[in-house]
C-alpha atoms as a PDB file:
ATOM      1  CA  MET A   1      14.968 -33.847 -25.385  1.00  0.00           C
ATOM      2  CA  ASP A   2      15.048 -36.965 -27.637  1.00  0.00           C
ATOM      3  CA  VAL A   3      11.321 -37.510 -27.122  1.00  0.00           C
ATOM      4  CA  ASP A   4      10.698 -33.848 -27.791  1.00  0.00           C
ATOM      5  CA  LEU A   5      12.835 -34.031 -30.924  1.00  0.00           C
ATOM      6  CA  ASN A   6      10.880 -36.988 -32.309  1.00  0.00           C
ATOM      7  CA  TYR A   7       7.568 -35.351 -31.580  1.00  0.00           C
ATOM      8  CA  TYR A   8       8.687 -31.983 -32.887  1.00  0.00           C
ATOM      9  CA  ARG A   9      10.083 -33.580 -36.077  1.00  0.00           C
ATOM     10  CA  GLU A  10       6.828 -35.387 -36.778  1.00  0.00           C
ATOM     11  CA  LEU A  11       4.793 -32.279 -36.065  1.00  0.00           C
ATOM     12  CA  LEU A  12       6.998 -30.143 -38.336  1.00  0.00           C
ATOM     13  CA  GLN A  13       6.827 -32.702 -41.133  1.00  0.00           C
ATOM     14  CA  HIS A  14       3.037 -32.921 -40.885  1.00  0.00           C
ATOM     15  CA  TYR A  15       2.673 -29.155 -40.957  1.00  0.00           C
ATOM     16  CA  ASN A  16       4.942 -28.832 -44.007  1.00  0.00           C
ATOM     17  CA  LEU A  17       2.687 -31.284 -45.838  1.00  0.00           C
ATOM     18  CA  THR A  18      -0.703 -29.942 -44.714  1.00  0.00           C
ATOM     19  CA  GLN A  19      -0.354 -26.444 -43.210  1.00  0.00           C
ATOM     20  CA  ASP A  20      -3.398 -27.302 -41.076  1.00  0.00           C
ATOM     21  CA  GLU A  21      -4.637 -25.638 -37.893  1.00  0.00           C
ATOM     22  CA  GLY A  22      -4.266 -28.849 -35.917  1.00  0.00           C
ATOM     23  CA  SER A  23      -0.501 -28.770 -36.195  1.00  0.00           C
ATOM     24  CA  LEU A  24      -0.420 -25.136 -35.092  1.00  0.00           C
ATOM     25  CA  TYR A  25      -2.579 -25.986 -32.099  1.00  0.00           C
ATOM     26  CA  GLN A  26      -0.186 -28.788 -31.116  1.00  0.00           C
ATOM     27  CA  ALA A  27       2.723 -26.359 -31.476  1.00  0.00           C
ATOM     28  CA  GLU A  28       0.932 -23.935 -29.164  1.00  0.00           C
ATOM     29  CA  GLN A  29       0.486 -26.618 -26.534  1.00  0.00           C
ATOM     30  CA  MET A  30       4.122 -27.629 -26.837  1.00  0.00           C
ATOM     31  CA  SER A  31       5.229 -23.995 -26.372  1.00  0.00           C
ATOM     32  CA  LYS A  32       3.341 -23.941 -23.069  1.00  0.00           C
ATOM     33  CA  GLN A  33       5.344 -26.962 -21.957  1.00  0.00           C
ATOM     34  CA  PHE A  34       8.544 -25.202 -22.974  1.00  0.00           C
ATOM     35  CA  ILE A  35       7.597 -22.274 -20.756  1.00  0.00           C
ATOM     36  CA  LYS A  36       6.577 -24.550 -17.889  1.00  0.00           C
ATOM     37  CA  ASN A  37       9.936 -26.351 -18.066  1.00  0.00           C
ATOM     38  CA  ASN A  38      11.904 -23.086 -18.454  1.00  0.00           C
ATOM     39  CA  ILE A  39      13.279 -24.043 -21.856  1.00  0.00           C
ATOM     40  CA  PRO A  40      15.305 -21.050 -23.167  1.00  0.00           C
ATOM     41  CA  PRO A  41      14.683 -19.791 -26.734  1.00  0.00           C
ATOM     42  CA  GLU A  42      18.063 -20.989 -28.029  1.00  0.00           C
ATOM     43  CA  GLU A  43      17.130 -24.578 -27.090  1.00  0.00           C
ATOM     44  CA  ILE A  44      13.937 -24.298 -29.109  1.00  0.00           C
ATOM     45  CA  VAL A  45      15.869 -23.027 -32.130  1.00  0.00           C
ATOM     46  CA  ASN A  46      18.371 -25.857 -31.678  1.00  0.00           C
ATOM     47  CA  LEU A  47      15.487 -28.358 -31.556  1.00  0.00           C
ATOM     48  CA  HIS A  48      14.057 -26.939 -34.772  1.00  0.00           C
ATOM     49  CA  ASN A  49      17.506 -27.067 -36.410  1.00  0.00           C
ATOM     50  CA  LYS A  50      17.998 -30.758 -35.521  1.00  0.00           C
ATOM     51  CA  ALA A  51      14.538 -31.661 -36.803  1.00  0.00           C
ATOM     52  CA  LEU A  52      15.246 -29.924 -40.115  1.00  0.00           C
ATOM     53  CA  ASN A  53      18.585 -31.724 -40.531  1.00  0.00           C
ATOM     54  CA  GLU A  54      16.915 -35.109 -40.020  1.00  0.00           C
ATOM     55  CA  LEU A  55      13.964 -34.359 -42.289  1.00  0.00           C
ATOM     56  CA  TYR A  56      15.843 -32.580 -45.062  1.00  0.00           C
ATOM     57  CA  PRO A  57      19.536 -33.623 -45.065  1.00  0.00           C
ATOM     58  CA  GLU A  58      20.024 -32.102 -48.519  1.00  0.00           C
ATOM     59  CA  LEU A  59      19.175 -28.531 -47.455  1.00  0.00           C
ATOM     60  CA  PRO A  60      21.473 -25.864 -48.974  1.00  0.00           C
ATOM     61  CA  SER A  61      24.437 -24.868 -46.825  1.00  0.00           C
ATOM     62  CA  GLU A  62      23.271 -21.222 -46.882  1.00  0.00           C
ATOM     63  CA  PHE A  63      20.085 -22.245 -45.099  1.00  0.00           C
ATOM     64  CA  ARG A  64      22.013 -24.254 -42.503  1.00  0.00           C
ATOM     65  CA  HIS A  65      24.318 -21.301 -41.872  1.00  0.00           C
ATOM     66  CA  SER A  66      21.301 -19.043 -41.427  1.00  0.00           C
ATOM     67  CA  MET A  67      19.908 -21.397 -38.803  1.00  0.00           C
ATOM     68  CA  ASP A  68      23.256 -21.372 -36.981  1.00  0.00           C
ATOM     69  CA  PHE A  69      23.146 -17.586 -37.103  1.00  0.00           C
ATOM     70  CA  LEU A  70      19.630 -17.614 -35.622  1.00  0.00           C
ATOM     71  CA  LEU A  71      20.780 -19.971 -32.873  1.00  0.00           C
ATOM     72  CA  GLU A  72      23.637 -17.664 -31.870  1.00  0.00           C
ATOM     73  CA  THR A  73      21.282 -14.704 -31.925  1.00  0.00           C
ATOM     74  CA  MET A  74      18.861 -16.483 -29.622  1.00  0.00           C
ATOM     75  CA  ILE A  75      21.666 -17.319 -27.203  1.00  0.00           C
ATOM     76  CA  PHE A  76      22.489 -13.630 -26.878  1.00  0.00           C
ATOM     77  CA  TYR A  77      18.784 -12.855 -26.665  1.00  0.00           C
ATOM     78  CA  GLY A  78      18.293 -15.371 -23.867  1.00  0.00           C
ATOM     79  CA  VAL A  79      21.074 -13.850 -21.763  1.00  0.00           C
ATOM     80  CA  ALA A  80      19.766 -10.314 -22.332  1.00  0.00           C
ATOM     81  CA  TYR A  81      16.203 -11.383 -21.567  1.00  0.00           C
ATOM     82  CA  GLN A  82      17.219 -12.974 -18.267  1.00  0.00           C
ATOM     83  CA  GLN A  83      18.981  -9.767 -17.273  1.00  0.00           C
ATOM     84  CA  TYR A  84      15.902  -7.781 -18.265  1.00  0.00           C
ATOM     85  CA  GLU A  85      13.612 -10.014 -16.211  1.00  0.00           C
ATOM     86  CA  THR A  86      15.900  -9.676 -13.192  1.00  0.00           C
ATOM     87  CA  LEU A  87      15.860  -5.888 -13.472  1.00  0.00           C
ATOM     88  CA  ARG A  88      12.090  -5.872 -13.920  1.00  0.00           C
ATOM     89  CA  GLU A  89      11.612  -7.965 -10.788  1.00  0.00           C
ATOM     90  CA  LYS A  90      13.846  -5.611  -8.812  1.00  0.00           C
ATOM     91  CA  GLN A  91      11.982  -2.607 -10.191  1.00  0.00           C
ATOM     92  CA  SER A  92       8.682  -4.187  -9.226  1.00  0.00           C
ATOM     93  CA  GLU A  93       9.967  -4.741  -5.675  1.00  0.00           C
ATOM     94  CA  ILE A  94      11.155  -1.129  -5.452  1.00  0.00           C
ATOM     95  CA  GLN A  95       7.822   0.168  -6.762  1.00  0.00           C
ATOM     96  CA  SER A  96       5.999  -1.941  -4.211  1.00  0.00           C
ATOM     97  CA  GLU A  97       8.173  -0.576  -1.397  1.00  0.00           C
ATOM     98  CA  ILE A  98       7.688   3.004  -2.623  1.00  0.00           C
ATOM     99  CA  SER A  99       3.931   2.452  -2.732  1.00  0.00           C
ATOM    100  CA  VAL A 100       3.975   1.275   0.888  1.00  0.00           C
ATOM    101  CA  ALA A 101       6.155   4.256   1.822  1.00  0.00           C
ATOM    102  CA  ALA A 102       3.765   6.632   0.051  1.00  0.00           C
ATOM    103  CA  ASN A 103       0.793   5.258   1.974  1.00  0.00           C
ATOM    104  CA  MET A 104       2.703   5.547   5.233  1.00  0.00           C
ATOM    105  CA  GLN A 105       3.742   9.107   4.387  1.00  0.00           C
ATOM    106  CA  GLU A 106       0.190  10.090   3.536  1.00  0.00           C
ATOM    107  CA  THR A 107      -0.975   8.817   6.917  1.00  0.00           C
ATOM    108  CA  PHE A 108       2.002  10.153   8.834  1.00  0.00           C
ATOM    109  CA  LEU A 109       1.971  13.666   7.357  1.00  0.00           C
ATOM    110  CA  ALA A 110      -1.796  14.014   7.295  1.00  0.00           C
ATOM    111  CA  THR A 111      -2.954  17.318   8.778  1.00  0.00           C
ATOM    112  CA  LYS A 112      -6.543  18.071   9.624  1.00  0.00           C
ATOM    113  CA  LYS A 113      -7.741  21.402   8.328  1.00  0.00           C
ATOM    114  CA  PRO A 114      -8.746  23.434  11.402  1.00  0.00           C
ATOM    115  CA  ASP A 115     -12.070  25.143  11.940  1.00  0.00           C
ATOM    116  CA  VAL A 116     -11.062  28.634  13.073  1.00  0.00           C
ATOM    117  CA  LYS A 117     -13.617  31.309  13.800  1.00  0.00           C
ATOM    118  CA  GLY A 118     -13.374  34.170  11.315  1.00  0.00           C
ATOM    119  CA  LEU A 119     -11.181  32.300   8.826  1.00  0.00           C
ATOM    120  CA  ASP A 120     -12.139  30.368   5.706  1.00  0.00           C
ATOM    121  CA  ILE A 121      -9.297  27.940   4.919  1.00  0.00           C
ATOM    122  CA  GLY A 122      -8.608  26.028   1.728  1.00  0.00           C
ATOM    123  CA  VAL A 123      -5.684  23.651   1.241  1.00  0.00           C
ATOM    124  CA  ILE A 124      -4.531  21.162  -1.377  1.00  0.00           C
ATOM    125  CA  SER A 125      -1.233  19.273  -1.670  1.00  0.00           C
ATOM    126  CA  ILE A 126      -0.708  16.826  -4.539  1.00  0.00           C
ATOM    127  CA  ALA A 127       2.490  14.836  -5.139  1.00  0.00           C
ATOM    128  CA  ALA A 128       3.919  14.782  -8.647  1.00  0.00           C
ATOM    129  CA  ASP A 129       5.131  11.228  -8.001  1.00  0.00           C
ATOM    130  CA  GLN A 130       4.160   8.745  -5.328  1.00  0.00           C
ATOM    131  CA  LEU A 131       6.048  10.536  -2.558  1.00  0.00           C
ATOM    132  CA  ASN A 132       5.390  14.156  -1.677  1.00  0.00           C
ATOM    133  CA  GLY A 133       8.264  16.610  -1.169  1.00  0.00           C
ATOM    134  CA  ASP A 134       5.900  19.292   0.175  1.00  0.00           C
ATOM    135  CA  TYR A 135       4.652  19.534   3.742  1.00  0.00           C
ATOM    136  CA  TYR A 136       2.115  21.734   5.472  1.00  0.00           C
ATOM    137  CA  THR A 137       0.622  21.863   8.927  1.00  0.00           C
ATOM    138  CA  PHE A 138      -1.672  24.025  11.031  1.00  0.00           C
ATOM    139  CA  ASN A 139      -1.322  24.854  14.701  1.00  0.00           C
ATOM    140  CA  GLU A 140      -4.372  26.184  16.550  1.00  0.00           C
ATOM    141  CA  GLY A 141      -3.441  28.539  19.352  1.00  0.00           C
ATOM    142  CA  LYS A 142      -5.269  30.530  21.997  1.00  0.00           C
ATOM    143  CA  ASN A 143      -8.061  32.963  21.171  1.00  0.00           C
ATOM    144  CA  ASP A 144      -8.584  31.528  17.656  1.00  0.00           C
ATOM    145  CA  SER A 145      -5.012  32.282  16.607  1.00  0.00           C
ATOM    146  CA  LEU A 146      -3.547  30.020  13.948  1.00  0.00           C
ATOM    147  CA  GLY A 147      -0.053  28.973  12.890  1.00  0.00           C
ATOM    148  CA  ILE A 148       0.502  27.842   9.285  1.00  0.00           C
ATOM    149  CA  ALA A 149       3.646  26.146   8.002  1.00  0.00           C
ATOM    150  CA  LEU A 150       4.424  25.282   4.377  1.00  0.00           C
ATOM    151  CA  ALA A 151       7.709  23.625   3.377  1.00  0.00           C
ATOM    152  CA  ASP A 152       9.269  22.278   0.204  1.00  0.00           C
ATOM    153  CA  VAL A 153      12.248  19.940  -0.168  1.00  0.00           C
ATOM    154  CA  ILE A 154      14.286  20.694  -3.273  1.00  0.00           C
ATOM    155  CA  GLY A 155      14.302  17.122  -4.487  1.00  0.00           C
ATOM    156  CA  LYS A 156      12.016  14.134  -4.867  1.00  0.00           C
ATOM    157  CA  GLY A 157      11.571  10.536  -3.818  1.00  0.00           C
ATOM    158  CA  ILE A 158      12.498   8.802  -0.601  1.00  0.00           C
ATOM    159  CA  PRO A 159      15.190  11.322   0.543  1.00  0.00           C
ATOM    160  CA  ALA A 160      12.665  14.160   0.302  1.00  0.00           C
ATOM    161  CA  ALA A 161      10.053  12.115   2.145  1.00  0.00           C
ATOM    162  CA  LEU A 162      12.511  11.350   4.957  1.00  0.00           C
ATOM    163  CA  CYS A 163      13.353  15.052   5.257  1.00  0.00           C
ATOM    164  CA  MET A 164       9.681  15.892   5.586  1.00  0.00           C
ATOM    165  CA  SER A 165       9.273  13.292   8.330  1.00  0.00           C
ATOM    166  CA  MET A 166      12.091  14.966  10.251  1.00  0.00           C
ATOM    167  CA  ILE A 167      10.519  18.399   9.727  1.00  0.00           C
ATOM    168  CA  LYS A 168       7.191  17.086  11.048  1.00  0.00           C
ATOM    169  CA  TYR A 169       8.778  15.692  14.225  1.00  0.00           C
ATOM    170  CA  ALA A 170      10.677  18.916  14.840  1.00  0.00           C
ATOM    171  CA  MET A 171       7.564  21.017  14.230  1.00  0.00           C
ATOM    172  CA  GLU A 172       5.512  18.975  16.693  1.00  0.00           C
ATOM    173  CA  ILE A 173       8.078  19.681  19.392  1.00  0.00           C
ATOM    174  CA  LEU A 174       8.421  23.384  18.568  1.00  0.00           C
ATOM    175  CA  LEU A 175       4.696  24.018  18.334  1.00  0.00           C
ATOM    176  CA  GLN A 176       4.125  22.802  21.872  1.00  0.00           C
ATOM    177  CA  GLU A 177       5.153  26.292  22.881  1.00  0.00           C
ATOM    178  CA  SER A 178       3.786  29.555  21.548  1.00  0.00           C
ATOM    179  CA  ILE A 179       6.807  30.991  19.751  1.00  0.00           C
ATOM    180  CA  SER A 180       7.249  33.470  16.921  1.00  0.00           C
ATOM    181  CA  PRO A 181       7.681  32.532  13.226  1.00  0.00           C
ATOM    182  CA  LYS A 182      11.301  33.705  13.196  1.00  0.00           C
ATOM    183  CA  THR A 183      12.120  31.598  16.259  1.00  0.00           C
ATOM    184  CA  ILE A 184      10.540  28.525  14.692  1.00  0.00           C
ATOM    185  CA  LEU A 185      12.597  28.908  11.512  1.00  0.00           C
ATOM    186  CA  GLU A 186      15.796  29.524  13.451  1.00  0.00           C
ATOM    187  CA  SER A 187      15.204  26.384  15.540  1.00  0.00           C
ATOM    188  CA  LEU A 188      14.359  24.284  12.486  1.00  0.00           C
ATOM    189  CA  ASN A 189      17.416  25.616  10.700  1.00  0.00           C
ATOM    190  CA  ARG A 190      19.692  24.228  13.407  1.00  0.00           C
ATOM    191  CA  VAL A 191      17.949  20.847  13.218  1.00  0.00           C
ATOM    192  CA  VAL A 192      18.257  20.678   9.430  1.00  0.00           C
ATOM    193  CA  GLU A 193      21.889  21.863   9.417  1.00  0.00           C
ATOM    194  CA  LYS A 194      22.865  19.016  11.751  1.00  0.00           C
ATOM    195  CA  ASN A 195      20.796  16.208  10.243  1.00  0.00           C
ATOM    196  CA  VAL A 196      20.309  16.772   6.496  1.00  0.00           C
ATOM    197  CA  ASP A 197      22.777  16.211   3.682  1.00  0.00           C
ATOM    198  CA  PRO A 198      24.268  19.546   2.537  1.00  0.00           C
ATOM    199  CA  ASN A 199      23.145  18.799  -1.021  1.00  0.00           C
ATOM    200  CA  MET A 200      19.498  18.882   0.009  1.00  0.00           C
ATOM    201  CA  PHE A 201      17.699  22.171   0.529  1.00  0.00           C
ATOM    202  CA  ILE A 202      14.484  22.887   2.375  1.00  0.00           C
ATOM    203  CA  THR A 203      12.493  26.066   1.972  1.00  0.00           C
ATOM    204  CA  MET A 204       9.758  27.026   4.390  1.00  0.00           C
ATOM    205  CA  VAL A 205       7.366  29.794   5.306  1.00  0.00           C
ATOM    206  CA  TYR A 206       5.714  30.034   8.709  1.00  0.00           C
ATOM    207  CA  CYS A 207       2.838  32.405   9.475  1.00  0.00           C
ATOM    208  CA  HIS A 208       0.927  33.198  12.628  1.00  0.00           C
ATOM    209  CA  TYR A 209      -2.482  34.831  12.415  1.00  0.00           C
ATOM    210  CA  SER A 210      -3.774  36.787  15.387  1.00  0.00           C
ATOM    211  CA  PRO A 211      -7.495  37.685  15.189  1.00  0.00           C
ATOM    212  CA  GLU A 212      -7.228  40.082  18.139  1.00  0.00           C
ATOM    213  CA  ASP A 213      -5.310  42.643  16.094  1.00  0.00           C
ATOM    214  CA  ASN A 214      -6.005  41.267  12.571  1.00  0.00           C
ATOM    215  CA  LEU A 215      -2.289  40.781  12.000  1.00  0.00           C
ATOM    216  CA  LEU A 216      -0.392  38.082  10.141  1.00  0.00           C
ATOM    217  CA  HIS A 217       3.169  37.616  11.393  1.00  0.00           C
ATOM    218  CA  TYR A 218       5.409  35.616   9.090  1.00  0.00           C
ATOM    219  CA  ALA A 219       8.976  34.637   8.260  1.00  0.00           C
ATOM    220  CA  SER A 220      10.468  32.828   5.270  1.00  0.00           C
ATOM    221  CA  ALA A 221      13.439  30.538   4.705  1.00  0.00           C
ATOM    222  CA  GLY A 222      13.968  31.036   0.981  1.00  0.00           C
ATOM    223  CA  HIS A 223      10.409  29.947   0.222  1.00  0.00           C
ATOM    224  CA  GLU A 224       8.303  30.881  -2.786  1.00  0.00           C
ATOM    225  CA  PRO A 225       6.730  34.332  -2.236  1.00  0.00           C
ATOM    226  CA  GLY A 226       3.139  34.276  -1.106  1.00  0.00           C
ATOM    227  CA  TYR A 227       0.479  36.722  -2.266  1.00  0.00           C
ATOM    228  CA  TYR A 228      -2.074  38.949  -0.637  1.00  0.00           C
ATOM    229  CA  TYR A 229      -5.388  39.774  -2.261  1.00  0.00           C
ATOM    230  CA  CYS A 230      -7.006  43.022  -1.127  1.00  0.00           C
ATOM    231  CA  SER A 231     -10.765  42.731  -1.520  1.00  0.00           C
ATOM    232  CA  LYS A 232     -11.183  46.516  -1.360  1.00  0.00           C
ATOM    233  CA  THR A 233      -8.936  47.234  -4.368  1.00  0.00           C
ATOM    234  CA  GLY A 234      -9.260  43.869  -6.115  1.00  0.00           C
ATOM    235  CA  LYS A 235      -5.469  43.705  -6.514  1.00  0.00           C
ATOM    236  CA  PHE A 236      -2.809  41.124  -5.675  1.00  0.00           C
ATOM    237  CA  TYR A 237       0.369  42.031  -3.833  1.00  0.00           C
ATOM    238  CA  GLU A 238       3.461  39.913  -3.336  1.00  0.00           C
ATOM    239  CA  ILE A 239       4.183  39.033   0.291  1.00  0.00           C
ATOM    240  CA  GLU A 240       7.823  39.997   0.503  1.00  0.00           C
ATOM    241  CA  ALA A 241       9.972  38.050   2.945  1.00  0.00           C
ATOM    242  CA  ARG A 242      13.673  37.316   2.736  1.00  0.00           C
ATOM    243  CA  GLY A 243      15.536  34.485   4.367  1.00  0.00           C
ATOM    244  CA  LEU A 244      18.144  31.806   3.682  1.00  0.00           C
ATOM    245  CA  VAL A 245      16.978  28.261   2.959  1.00  0.00           C
ATOM    246  CA  LEU A 246      17.113  25.918   5.948  1.00  0.00           C
ATOM    247  CA  GLY A 247      20.325  24.125   6.834  1.00  0.00           C
ATOM    248  CA  VAL A 248      22.937  26.244   5.057  1.00  0.00           C
ATOM    249  CA  LEU A 249      24.409  28.007   8.111  1.00  0.00           C
ATOM    250  CA  PRO A 250      23.793  26.949  11.727  1.00  0.00           C
ATOM    251  CA  ASP A 251      23.373  30.457  13.167  1.00  0.00           C
ATOM    252  CA  THR A 252      21.146  31.990  10.517  1.00  0.00           C
ATOM    253  CA  GLU A 253      18.784  34.652  11.807  1.00  0.00           C
ATOM    254  CA  TYR A 254      15.434  35.224  10.132  1.00  0.00           C
ATOM    255  CA  GLU A 255      13.572  38.478   9.859  1.00  0.00           C
ATOM    256  CA  GLN A 256       9.934  38.575  10.915  1.00  0.00           C
ATOM    257  CA  TYR A 257       7.324  40.611   9.075  1.00  0.00           C
ATOM    258  CA  GLU A 258       3.719  41.511   9.711  1.00  0.00           C
ATOM    259  CA  MET A 259       0.734  42.664   7.702  1.00  0.00           C
ATOM    260  CA  SER A 260      -2.882  43.625   8.407  1.00  0.00           C
ATOM    261  CA  ILE A 261      -5.712  41.524   7.040  1.00  0.00           C
ATOM    262  CA  ASN A 262      -9.141  43.011   6.511  1.00  0.00           C
ATOM    263  CA  GLN A 263     -12.493  41.428   5.898  1.00  0.00           C
ATOM    264  CA  GLY A 264     -12.654  39.586   2.562  1.00  0.00           C
ATOM    265  CA  ASP A 265      -8.881  39.651   2.043  1.00  0.00           C
ATOM    266  CA  LEU A 266      -6.980  36.531   0.972  1.00  0.00           C
ATOM    267  CA  VAL A 267      -3.562  35.238   1.973  1.00  0.00           C
ATOM    268  CA  ILE A 268      -2.138  32.816  -0.606  1.00  0.00           C
ATOM    269  CA  LEU A 269       0.721  30.451   0.276  1.00  0.00           C
ATOM    270  CA  LEU A 270       2.164  28.048  -2.285  1.00  0.00           C
ATOM    271  CA  THR A 271       5.145  26.003  -3.412  1.00  0.00           C
ATOM    272  CA  ASP A 272       7.044  26.395  -6.662  1.00  0.00           C
ATOM    273  CA  GLY A 273       5.076  23.509  -8.155  1.00  0.00           C
ATOM    274  CA  VAL A 274       2.302  26.077  -8.625  1.00  0.00           C
ATOM    275  CA  THR A 275       4.260  29.033  -9.973  1.00  0.00           C
ATOM    276  CA  GLU A 276       6.676  26.951 -12.054  1.00  0.00           C
ATOM    277  CA  CYS A 277       4.008  25.000 -13.892  1.00  0.00           C
ATOM    278  CA  ARG A 278       5.470  23.965 -17.251  1.00  0.00           C
ATOM    279  CA  THR A 279       3.539  23.456 -20.490  1.00  0.00           C
ATOM    280  CA  GLU A 280       4.601  22.643 -24.043  1.00  0.00           C
ATOM    281  CA  ASP A 281       5.291  26.352 -24.540  1.00  0.00           C
ATOM    282  CA  GLY A 282       7.494  26.668 -21.454  1.00  0.00           C
ATOM    283  CA  PHE A 283       6.969  27.915 -17.909  1.00  0.00           C
ATOM    284  CA  ILE A 284       3.916  30.005 -17.102  1.00  0.00           C
ATOM    285  CA  GLU A 285       4.139  33.470 -15.581  1.00  0.00           C
ATOM    286  CA  VAL A 286       3.116  34.221 -11.997  1.00  0.00           C
ATOM    287  CA  GLU A 287       0.512  36.622 -13.353  1.00  0.00           C
ATOM    288  CA  GLU A 288      -1.304  33.688 -14.928  1.00  0.00           C
ATOM    289  CA  VAL A 289      -1.558  31.930 -11.548  1.00  0.00           C
ATOM    290  CA  LEU A 290      -3.012  35.055  -9.979  1.00  0.00           C
ATOM    291  CA  GLU A 291      -5.480  35.549 -12.825  1.00  0.00           C
ATOM    292  CA  VAL A 292      -6.735  31.985 -12.389  1.00  0.00           C
ATOM    293  CA  ILE A 293      -7.182  32.615  -8.658  1.00  0.00           C
ATOM    294  CA  ARG A 294      -9.024  35.831  -9.501  1.00  0.00           C
ATOM    295  CA  GLN A 295     -11.559  33.846 -11.539  1.00  0.00           C
ATOM    296  CA  TYR A 296     -12.571  31.928  -8.417  1.00  0.00           C
ATOM    297  CA  VAL A 297     -11.990  34.552  -5.733  1.00  0.00           C
ATOM    298  CA  HIS A 298     -15.733  34.734  -5.027  1.00  0.00           C
ATOM    299  CA  LEU A 299     -15.859  31.046  -4.051  1.00  0.00           C
ATOM    300  CA  PRO A 300     -15.118  29.429  -0.673  1.00  0.00           C
ATOM    301  CA  SER A 301     -11.395  28.913  -0.115  1.00  0.00           C
ATOM    302  CA  GLN A 302     -11.464  25.123  -0.521  1.00  0.00           C
ATOM    303  CA  GLU A 303     -13.201  25.445  -3.863  1.00  0.00           C
ATOM    304  CA  ILE A 304     -10.617  28.020  -4.934  1.00  0.00           C
ATOM    305  CA  VAL A 305      -7.632  25.728  -4.335  1.00  0.00           C
ATOM    306  CA  GLU A 306      -9.341  22.740  -5.951  1.00  0.00           C
ATOM    307  CA  LYS A 307     -10.340  24.651  -9.087  1.00  0.00           C
ATOM    308  CA  VAL A 308      -6.892  26.233  -9.412  1.00  0.00           C
ATOM    309  CA  TYR A 309      -5.321  22.773  -9.144  1.00  0.00           C
ATOM    310  CA  LYS A 310      -7.659  21.326 -11.771  1.00  0.00           C
ATOM    311  CA  HIS A 311      -6.825  24.219 -14.108  1.00  0.00           C
ATOM    312  CA  PHE A 312      -3.062  23.627 -13.960  1.00  0.00           C
ATOM    313  CA  GLU A 313      -3.441  19.861 -13.964  1.00  0.00           C
ATOM    314  CA  ARG A 314      -5.223  20.126 -17.324  1.00  0.00           C
ATOM    315  CA  LEU A 315      -2.634  22.632 -18.527  1.00  0.00           C
ATOM    316  CA  GLN A 316       0.100  20.046 -17.897  1.00  0.00           C
ATOM    317  CA  ASN A 317      -1.847  17.230 -19.581  1.00  0.00           C
ATOM    318  CA  PHE A 318      -2.546  15.676 -16.165  1.00  0.00           C
ATOM    319  CA  GLN A 319       1.170  15.051 -15.522  1.00  0.00           C
ATOM    320  CA  LEU A 320       2.514  17.257 -12.734  1.00  0.00           C
ATOM    321  CA  ILE A 321       6.130  18.301 -13.124  1.00  0.00           C
ATOM    322  CA  ASP A 322       6.509  19.108  -9.421  1.00  0.00           C
ATOM    323  CA  ASP A 323       4.558  18.711  -6.194  1.00  0.00           C
ATOM    324  CA  PHE A 324       1.623  21.115  -6.077  1.00  0.00           C
ATOM    325  CA  SER A 325       0.664  22.747  -2.754  1.00  0.00           C
ATOM    326  CA  LEU A 326      -1.650  25.718  -2.324  1.00  0.00           C
ATOM    327  CA  ILE A 327      -3.143  27.259   0.835  1.00  0.00           C
ATOM    328  CA  VAL A 328      -5.723  30.049   0.794  1.00  0.00           C
ATOM    329  CA  LEU A 329      -6.857  31.928   3.914  1.00  0.00           C
ATOM    330  CA  ARG A 330      -9.794  34.333   3.741  1.00  0.00           C
ATOM    331  CA  LYS A 331     -10.668  36.641   6.592  1.00  0.00           C
ATOM    332  CA  GLU A 332     -14.445  36.522   6.991  1.00  0.00           C
ATOM    333  CA  VAL A 333     -15.092  38.812   9.987  1.00  0.00           C
END
């Protein structure tokens, strides 16, 4: 520090006499050495204070007191800055871990869109943050039948992602057998009730399409209502289905419904990230979602879901408030 003091004093004295760029350049180089040697800011202020006292011993007391005040301020600053750096490092580690988890989740929950005769399928699922609290899957059955599941964890982050992993495992076991939508929900409900924190809620809708009789069988566990578009009338109808969210009561029974699907009709399944889109003016109405879908109803199903997503992404200034999942099924023949 003595060598630094001598050098700093000479450099300060030269600058006071000349105000030249060379002195500033030397100060810049010295600051790099301070950083390299982890010299805290209060030590630099103290160095400056000592150099001033040696160069100008007759400085007014008010000035000396102001330098002491600056030194104390820098001491507090140094402590706060170290705490900030520690928190930032921890945050960076957490973000890195979440990024790895998000990549693993994307791979783990990935579902290939099936190619089913007589059905045109469109699907999109976008996470509001790095981890997705929505989950969907398809299950191809015999004779071109198709099972469709769409779930939503009321919550975000790692807990929601872990819940979805559990749902996926349970679904893979259940779908090995051909069982009804109500039975699937009742089985999942028992799994969730035993293994998920009571403060977390999972909604889900499960549908099974049978091309032999053009029927869609479905059951819901408190999930966002789906919609049915009748190509003959050009009107949308809400797909009504009641049911308690998963995991509340162990012996919950779910009611199963059915509906006919004709050529050109659409079945629309979604999560509340679609219907509860929020703008600067507040939440949008469901009718607006349906009107946007109507604009693209003539397009293939995949184009429909992508254009609807782009519309509401722009509406929210490209910052999703909630996970956005939308599935569209169109009966072709």
